[in-house]
Amino acid sequence: MAFTGLASNERFTANQVREDISRIMATLSPKEAPILDWLGDADVFATSTKHEFMEDHMLPNYIVASTAINSATAATGIQVNGLGLALTEGTILENETSAELMQVSSVVGANSVLVNRNYGGGGIGSLVAGGQLYVRAMAGVEGQDHNGSSVRRLGVRRSNTVGMFYIPVAASGTDLAINLAGGDSYDNVIRKGLIDALHQLEKEAVRGVLNSSNSLGTTSATRTMQGIRTQLTTINSTITASSFATSPHTYIGNLWEQIYMNGGSPNTETWAIIAGSTWYRDISNLNDTKVQDSNDKEEFKRVIRRYVGPLGSAEVLLSRVLPATELLLVPRERLKVVPLQGRSFVYEDLGKTGDNEKGQIVGEYSLELFHQNAMARAHT
């Protein structure tokens, strides 16, 4: 569905004060804002300039030990990479380097669990800091009573600022007197302003950063939201441009494997590879050995708009928002561009002052991003 700028649950709310431009946005977004068009409208809206939402705990296939684990027979506290709350008492963990099994006896917090060693008598091993433990069954005993905890806990409360977007438009009396290709010049200004609004929102949805001096903004300070790019910190790989050009498939596969290990679902979620211009060309060059043509044809085609790999498939989007040698691997289901209630993009006519017609395009939007540890960013 094309991006209209509205939340789907307020699409039919009448706006009696300002001109609703959502239909125009829906027409423009497929060509002017491909990322927003791919994401579509959010199903929620914000109700405050600080937008809060709940992120549940994604069940991982692996957890990472942030400190070393020594060989021991006694119960051992393990420091983990923020995914402790996704485990339950009784969960079996496997150290694949030594085949030792451990059983979680207590979930201390997001970064710490207590385990009983040598489950099943298979032996005791060690693990270096940064090593992985495979998450196996959530084992229970017959007649076990509920201990009050839940693997599907309420989750973590997260927040983002609602960014304020403002595009002023104006045309002088002279401009209005000049007929451009049969169209009113002020209408042309508005049309270009609407395109600018989409461009700005897409840029901030991807590259936005918070105003560190005052993240919520004031009448004297701007208000911006945090975008996708700065939030992807767990799988954040640096790749030389020449290496990626040689084998894009290898690096995309490596990113997807890490996503899979962290609980992402490449085969059930709707994914996109959002790529800058150079890396988009490198991905398209994957089909250079499959080009079929004959010398009587006048069209040459080499482009990949959908990538299918061993761990999943993704639409490939060319983006002017990203640097030329950068890509994001993200799922639609865990990203939402959220309007402030009643403040989706609208055009307001401010009337005539002096020898000018004036108006403005305004809108307020935030971004919901869930489970950044199961998305990926790669860059030079």
Protein backbone atom coordinates (compact mmCIF):
# COMPACT_ATOMS: atom_id res chain seq x y z
CA MET A 1 0.00 0.00 0.00
CA ALA A 2 1.31 3.47 -0.87
CA PHE A 3 2.35 5.78 1.93
CA THR A 4 -0.31 8.43 2.64
CA GLY A 5 1.24 9.88 5.78
CA LEU A 6 -1.81 8.96 7.84
CA ALA A 7 -2.09 6.26 10.47
CA SER A 8 -4.43 3.59 9.12
CA ASN A 9 -6.76 3.96 12.11
CA GLU A 10 -7.30 7.68 11.48
CA ARG A 11 -7.63 7.50 7.71
CA PHE A 12 -11.29 8.38 7.73
CA THR A 13 -11.10 11.15 10.31
CA ALA A 14 -12.38 14.40 8.79
CA ASN A 15 -10.13 17.44 9.03
CA GLN A 16 -12.26 20.57 8.87
CA VAL A 17 -9.48 23.11 9.41
CA ARG A 18 -6.64 22.23 7.06
CA GLU A 19 -6.42 20.70 3.62
CA ASP A 20 -5.87 16.95 3.73
CA ILE A 21 -3.16 16.00 1.20
CA SER A 22 -2.91 12.29 1.97
CA ARG A 23 -4.21 11.28 -1.48
CA ILE A 24 -1.55 13.41 -3.13
CA MET A 25 1.11 11.84 -0.88
CA ALA A 26 -0.11 8.37 -1.88
CA THR A 27 0.29 9.31 -5.55
CA LEU A 28 3.77 10.78 -5.07
CA SER A 29 5.32 8.28 -2.64
CA PRO A 30 5.96 5.34 -5.05
CA LYS A 31 8.35 7.45 -7.13
CA GLU A 32 9.52 10.12 -4.69
CA ALA A 33 9.90 8.12 -1.45
CA PRO A 34 10.40 4.41 -2.22
CA ILE A 35 11.30 3.52 1.38
CA LEU A 36 8.16 5.13 2.79
CA ASP A 37 6.13 3.54 0.00
CA TRP A 38 7.53 0.11 0.89
CA LEU A 39 6.82 0.60 4.60
CA GLY A 40 3.28 1.87 4.05
CA ASP A 41 1.17 3.56 6.71
CA ALA A 42 1.54 2.77 10.40
CA ASP A 43 -1.38 1.27 12.28
CA VAL A 44 -0.87 3.58 15.27
CA PHE A 45 -0.36 7.29 15.91
CA ALA A 46 1.56 9.25 18.50
CA THR A 47 -0.24 11.25 21.18
CA SER A 48 2.69 13.25 22.56
CA THR A 49 5.91 14.81 21.30
CA LYS A 50 7.66 12.02 23.24
CA HIS A 51 6.26 8.88 21.63
CA GLU A 52 6.50 5.75 23.77
CA PHE A 53 5.92 2.16 22.70
CA MET A 54 6.54 -1.34 24.07
CA GLU A 55 9.12 -3.71 22.61
CA ASP A 56 8.63 -7.35 23.61
CA HIS A 57 11.45 -9.84 23.98
CA MET A 58 12.40 -11.64 20.78
CA LEU A 59 13.35 -15.26 21.45
CA PRO A 60 16.93 -15.71 20.21
CA ASN A 61 18.54 -18.80 18.69
CA TYR A 62 21.82 -17.83 20.30
CA ILE A 63 22.89 -15.60 23.15
CA VAL A 64 26.37 -14.13 23.46
CA ALA A 65 28.41 -14.43 26.62
CA SER A 66 29.81 -10.95 27.21
CA THR A 67 32.44 -12.31 29.63
CA ALA A 68 34.38 -15.59 29.63
CA ILE A 69 32.84 -18.74 31.15
CA ASN A 70 35.31 -20.97 33.05
CA SER A 71 35.13 -24.71 33.53
CA ALA A 72 33.24 -25.31 36.75
CA THR A 73 30.83 -27.72 38.41
CA ALA A 74 29.14 -25.16 40.64
CA ALA A 75 26.26 -22.95 39.53
CA THR A 76 27.69 -20.11 37.44
CA GLY A 77 26.57 -16.58 36.76
CA ILE A 78 26.79 -15.70 33.08
CA GLN A 79 26.88 -12.20 31.68
CA VAL A 80 24.95 -12.05 28.40
CA ASN A 81 24.24 -9.52 25.66
CA GLY A 82 20.98 -8.00 26.84
CA LEU A 83 18.79 -11.01 25.98
CA GLY A 84 18.52 -12.56 29.44
CA LEU A 85 14.89 -11.54 29.82
CA ALA A 86 14.02 -13.60 26.76
CA LEU A 87 14.93 -16.77 28.71
CA THR A 88 13.01 -18.64 31.38
CA GLU A 89 14.02 -20.72 34.36
CA GLY A 90 14.60 -24.23 33.01
CA THR A 91 15.85 -23.19 29.55
CA ILE A 92 18.63 -25.43 28.27
CA LEU A 93 21.71 -23.70 26.84
CA GLU A 94 24.34 -25.52 24.81
CA ASN A 95 28.01 -24.63 24.58
CA GLU A 96 28.72 -25.88 21.07
CA THR A 97 32.50 -25.63 21.51
CA SER A 98 32.50 -28.25 24.28
CA ALA A 99 29.05 -29.89 23.98
CA GLU A 100 28.31 -28.92 27.57
CA LEU A 101 24.65 -28.35 28.45
CA MET A 102 23.61 -25.80 31.08
CA GLN A 103 20.21 -25.09 32.58
CA VAL A 104 19.03 -21.62 33.55
CA SER A 105 18.11 -21.61 37.23
CA SER A 106 17.49 -17.88 37.62
CA VAL A 107 17.00 -14.91 35.32
CA VAL A 108 18.70 -12.06 37.12
CA GLY A 109 18.09 -9.48 34.42
CA ALA A 110 18.64 -8.54 30.80
CA ASN A 111 22.42 -8.96 31.09
CA SER A 112 22.76 -11.76 33.62
CA VAL A 113 21.49 -15.30 34.20
CA LEU A 114 22.46 -18.05 36.66
CA VAL A 115 22.95 -21.58 35.26
CA ASN A 116 23.49 -25.06 36.66
CA ARG A 117 26.43 -26.73 34.94
CA ASN A 118 26.89 -30.14 33.29
CA TYR A 119 23.19 -30.81 32.63
CA GLY A 120 22.73 -34.46 31.68
CA GLY A 121 26.31 -35.34 32.60
CA GLY A 122 27.75 -34.64 29.17
CA GLY A 123 30.84 -32.85 30.44
CA ILE A 124 32.04 -29.38 31.42
CA GLY A 125 33.65 -26.82 29.15
CA SER A 126 34.62 -23.16 28.92
CA LEU A 127 33.77 -20.31 26.58
CA VAL A 128 35.65 -17.17 25.66
CA ALA A 129 34.11 -13.72 25.96
CA GLY A 130 31.99 -13.11 22.87
CA GLY A 131 31.29 -16.82 22.42
CA GLN A 132 27.78 -18.05 21.65
CA LEU A 133 25.44 -20.31 23.60
CA TYR A 134 22.71 -22.07 21.65
CA VAL A 135 19.24 -21.66 23.17
CA ARG A 136 17.47 -25.01 23.33
CA ALA A 137 14.26 -26.21 24.96
CA MET A 138 12.45 -24.50 27.82
CA ALA A 139 12.45 -27.65 29.95
CA GLY A 140 9.98 -28.20 32.75
CA VAL A 141 9.18 -30.86 35.34
CA GLU A 142 5.96 -32.77 35.79
CA GLY A 143 3.45 -30.91 37.92
CA GLN A 144 5.58 -27.76 37.96
CA ASP A 145 3.94 -24.68 39.43
CA HIS A 146 4.02 -21.36 37.61
CA ASN A 147 6.66 -19.11 39.17
CA GLY A 148 5.04 -15.86 38.12
CA SER A 149 7.46 -15.02 35.31
CA SER A 150 6.77 -15.27 31.60
CA VAL A 151 8.93 -15.57 28.52
CA ARG A 152 6.48 -13.16 26.91
CA ARG A 153 7.03 -10.42 29.46
CA LEU A 154 5.59 -6.98 28.85
CA GLY A 155 8.92 -6.01 27.40
CA VAL A 156 10.89 -2.81 27.40
CA ARG A 157 9.38 0.65 27.18
CA ARG A 158 11.05 2.55 24.37
CA SER A 159 10.58 6.06 23.11
CA ASN A 160 11.39 8.39 20.26
CA THR A 161 10.83 12.08 19.72
CA VAL A 162 8.19 13.24 17.27
CA GLY A 163 9.99 15.28 14.63
CA MET A 164 8.50 18.55 13.39
CA PHE A 165 8.51 19.07 9.60
CA TYR A 166 7.86 22.49 8.14
CA ILE A 167 7.95 23.57 4.47
CA PRO A 168 6.99 27.20 3.79
CA VAL A 169 5.66 28.06 0.32
CA ALA A 170 5.10 31.50 -1.22
CA ALA A 171 4.64 33.23 -4.56
CA SER A 172 4.82 36.93 -5.31
CA GLY A 173 2.26 38.84 -7.29
CA THR A 174 4.64 38.78 -10.23
CA ASP A 175 4.92 34.99 -10.01
CA LEU A 176 1.16 34.67 -9.93
CA ALA A 177 0.88 36.81 -13.06
CA ILE A 178 3.16 34.49 -15.00
CA ASN A 179 1.49 31.45 -16.47
CA LEU A 180 3.94 28.54 -16.52
CA ALA A 181 2.96 25.92 -19.11
CA GLY A 182 -0.70 26.68 -18.52
CA GLY A 183 -0.48 26.18 -14.74
CA ASP A 184 -0.64 28.61 -11.85
CA SER A 185 2.90 29.16 -10.54
CA TYR A 186 1.72 29.03 -6.94
CA ASP A 187 0.26 25.58 -7.57
CA ASN A 188 3.66 24.53 -8.88
CA VAL A 189 5.29 25.80 -5.68
CA ILE A 190 2.85 23.77 -3.58
CA ARG A 191 3.40 20.67 -5.71
CA LYS A 192 7.16 20.89 -5.30
CA GLY A 193 6.70 21.55 -1.59
CA LEU A 194 4.76 18.31 -1.24
CA ILE A 195 7.60 16.41 -2.90
CA ASP A 196 10.06 18.12 -0.54
CA ALA A 197 7.94 17.04 2.43
CA LEU A 198 8.15 13.37 1.40
CA HIS A 199 11.88 13.62 0.77
CA GLN A 200 12.50 15.19 4.17
CA LEU A 201 10.43 12.61 6.02
CA GLU A 202 12.16 9.71 4.28
CA LYS A 203 15.59 11.16 5.02
CA GLU A 204 14.79 11.59 8.70
CA ALA A 205 13.15 8.16 8.96
CA VAL A 206 16.49 6.68 7.87
CA ARG A 207 19.15 9.17 9.01
CA GLY A 208 17.46 11.17 11.75
CA VAL A 209 19.25 12.02 14.99
CA LEU A 210 17.90 13.57 18.15
CA ASN A 211 18.56 17.19 19.05
CA SER A 212 20.98 16.56 21.91
CA SER A 213 20.47 20.00 23.44
CA ASN A 214 16.71 19.55 23.74
CA SER A 215 15.32 16.35 22.28
CA LEU A 216 11.70 17.41 22.76
CA GLY A 217 12.18 20.84 21.26
CA THR A 218 10.87 24.23 22.33
CA THR A 219 9.64 27.33 20.58
CA SER A 220 13.29 28.26 20.12
CA ALA A 221 14.76 24.80 19.36
CA THR A 222 14.02 22.36 16.56
CA ARG A 223 12.58 18.90 17.25
CA THR A 224 13.92 15.88 15.37
CA MET A 225 13.41 12.12 15.63
CA GLN A 226 15.89 9.26 15.70
CA GLY A 227 15.98 7.32 12.45
CA ILE A 228 16.72 3.71 11.53
CA ARG A 229 20.39 4.08 10.76
CA THR A 230 21.62 5.31 14.14
CA GLN A 231 19.65 2.65 16.00
CA LEU A 232 21.24 -0.35 14.25
CA THR A 233 24.19 -0.92 16.57
CA THR A 234 24.30 -4.69 17.19
CA ILE A 235 24.86 -5.91 13.62
CA ASN A 236 26.84 -2.99 12.26
CA SER A 237 29.57 -4.16 9.89
CA THR A 238 32.38 -2.24 8.24
CA ILE A 239 33.18 -3.58 4.77
CA THR A 240 35.67 -2.20 2.27
CA ALA A 241 34.06 -1.07 -0.96
CA SER A 242 36.28 -3.32 -3.11
CA SER A 243 35.48 -6.40 -1.02
CA PHE A 244 31.74 -5.83 -1.25
CA ALA A 245 31.96 -5.26 -5.01
CA THR A 246 33.74 -8.60 -5.39
CA SER A 247 31.15 -10.63 -3.49
CA PRO A 248 27.93 -8.85 -2.40
CA HIS A 249 26.22 -12.23 -1.95
CA THR A 250 28.77 -13.29 0.70
CA TYR A 251 28.38 -10.17 2.79
CA ILE A 252 24.60 -10.06 2.55
CA GLY A 253 24.56 -13.72 3.59
CA ASN A 254 26.79 -12.98 6.57
CA LEU A 255 24.48 -10.19 7.72
CA TRP A 256 21.41 -12.36 7.32
CA GLU A 257 23.01 -15.21 9.23
CA GLN A 258 23.64 -12.92 12.20
CA ILE A 259 20.03 -11.68 12.01
CA TYR A 260 18.82 -15.28 11.97
CA MET A 261 20.94 -16.19 14.98
CA ASN A 262 19.55 -13.19 16.89
CA GLY A 263 15.96 -14.30 16.38
CA GLY A 264 15.01 -12.61 13.12
CA SER A 265 12.72 -14.46 10.72
CA PRO A 266 14.06 -14.07 7.17
CA ASN A 267 11.48 -16.49 5.80
CA THR A 268 8.35 -15.09 7.51
CA GLU A 269 9.01 -11.34 7.69
CA THR A 270 8.95 -8.97 4.72
CA TRP A 271 12.51 -7.77 4.13
CA ALA A 272 14.21 -5.09 2.09
CA ILE A 273 17.81 -4.34 1.27
CA ILE A 274 18.00 -0.54 1.18
CA ALA A 275 21.20 0.30 -0.66
CA GLY A 276 23.17 3.37 -1.67
CA SER A 277 23.90 3.87 -5.35
CA THR A 278 27.28 2.11 -5.59
CA TRP A 279 26.29 -0.95 -3.59
CA TYR A 280 22.97 -1.12 -5.44
CA ARG A 281 24.98 -1.38 -8.67
CA ASP A 282 27.23 -4.03 -7.10
CA ILE A 283 24.18 -6.09 -6.13
CA SER A 284 22.76 -5.73 -9.64
CA ASN A 285 26.07 -6.96 -11.04
CA LEU A 286 25.36 -10.33 -9.41
CA ASN A 287 23.50 -11.24 -12.61
CA ASP A 288 26.36 -10.29 -14.95
CA THR A 289 26.88 -13.93 -15.92
CA LYS A 290 23.17 -14.49 -16.54
CA VAL A 291 22.52 -11.73 -19.08
CA GLN A 292 20.85 -13.19 -22.14
CA ASP A 293 20.58 -11.03 -25.24
CA SER A 294 21.12 -11.05 -28.97
CA ASN A 295 22.66 -8.52 -31.30
CA ASP A 296 19.34 -7.62 -32.88
CA LYS A 297 17.97 -6.14 -29.64
CA GLU A 298 18.48 -2.54 -28.61
CA GLU A 299 17.94 -2.84 -24.88
CA PHE A 300 20.53 -3.84 -22.28
CA LYS A 301 19.27 -4.78 -18.83
CA ARG A 302 21.22 -5.60 -15.70
CA VAL A 303 19.34 -4.93 -12.48
CA ILE A 304 18.25 -6.94 -9.46
CA ARG A 305 15.10 -5.74 -7.72
CA ARG A 306 14.66 -8.84 -5.55
CA TYR A 307 17.44 -10.76 -3.87
CA VAL A 308 16.85 -14.39 -2.92
CA GLY A 309 19.49 -16.06 -0.79
CA PRO A 310 19.76 -19.21 1.31
CA LEU A 311 18.34 -17.45 4.39
CA GLY A 312 15.51 -15.46 2.83
CA SER A 313 14.45 -13.02 0.15
CA ALA A 314 14.31 -9.24 0.08
CA GLU A 315 13.21 -6.44 -2.18
CA VAL A 316 16.22 -4.35 -3.23
CA LEU A 317 15.59 -0.60 -3.00
CA LEU A 318 17.86 2.05 -4.46
CA SER A 319 17.99 4.97 -2.04
CA ARG A 320 19.34 8.48 -2.33
CA VAL A 321 19.02 8.71 1.43
CA LEU A 322 22.01 6.47 2.17
CA PRO A 323 25.66 7.05 1.29
CA ALA A 324 26.72 5.31 -1.92
CA THR A 325 28.51 2.48 -0.09
CA GLU A 326 26.05 1.55 2.62
CA LEU A 327 23.04 -0.73 3.02
CA LEU A 328 20.38 -1.58 5.57
CA LEU A 329 18.72 -4.99 5.87
CA VAL A 330 15.38 -4.43 7.59
CA PRO A 331 11.88 -6.00 7.94
CA ARG A 332 8.71 -4.06 7.26
CA GLU A 333 6.84 -5.59 10.19
CA ARG A 334 9.17 -4.02 12.77
CA LEU A 335 9.32 -0.49 11.38
CA LYS A 336 6.57 2.14 11.57
CA VAL A 337 6.61 5.79 10.52
CA VAL A 338 4.09 7.18 13.01
CA PRO A 339 2.24 10.50 12.67
CA LEU A 340 1.25 12.60 15.66
CA GLN A 341 -2.52 12.38 16.03
CA GLY A 342 -4.14 15.02 13.81
CA ARG A 343 -0.74 16.24 12.59
CA SER A 344 -0.05 14.19 9.48
CA PHE A 345 1.12 16.25 6.51
CA VAL A 346 -1.35 18.96 5.57
CA TYR A 347 -1.29 22.13 3.52
CA GLU A 348 -2.45 25.37 5.16
CA ASP A 349 -3.24 28.50 3.18
CA LEU A 350 -1.99 31.53 5.11
CA GLY A 351 -3.55 34.00 2.71
CA LYS A 352 -2.14 37.14 1.18
CA THR A 353 0.26 39.46 2.99
CA GLY A 354 1.69 42.34 1.02
CA ASP A 355 2.39 41.24 -2.52
CA ASN A 356 2.70 37.58 -1.60
CA GLU A 357 0.50 34.52 -1.40
CA LYS A 358 1.73 32.34 1.45
CA GLY A 359 1.11 28.86 2.75
CA GLN A 360 2.83 26.07 4.62
CA ILE A 361 3.09 22.31 4.64
CA VAL A 362 3.45 20.92 8.16
CA GLY A 363 3.52 17.47 9.70
CA GLU A 364 4.84 15.69 12.77
CA TYR A 365 6.17 12.14 12.66
CA SER A 366 8.14 9.66 14.74
CA LEU A 367 9.59 6.20 14.13
CA GLU A 368 8.92 2.93 15.92
CA LEU A 369 11.72 0.38 15.52
CA PHE A 370 11.53 -3.03 17.19
CA HIS A 371 14.45 -5.41 17.90
CA GLN A 372 17.34 -3.58 16.30
CA ASN A 373 19.57 -6.53 17.21
CA ALA A 374 17.81 -8.54 14.47
CA MET A 375 18.34 -5.98 11.70
CA ALA A 376 21.61 -5.05 10.04
CA ARG A 377 23.65 -2.14 8.72
CA ALA A 378 26.77 -2.42 6.57
CA HIS A 379 28.98 0.46 5.46
CA THR A 380 32.54 1.40 4.51
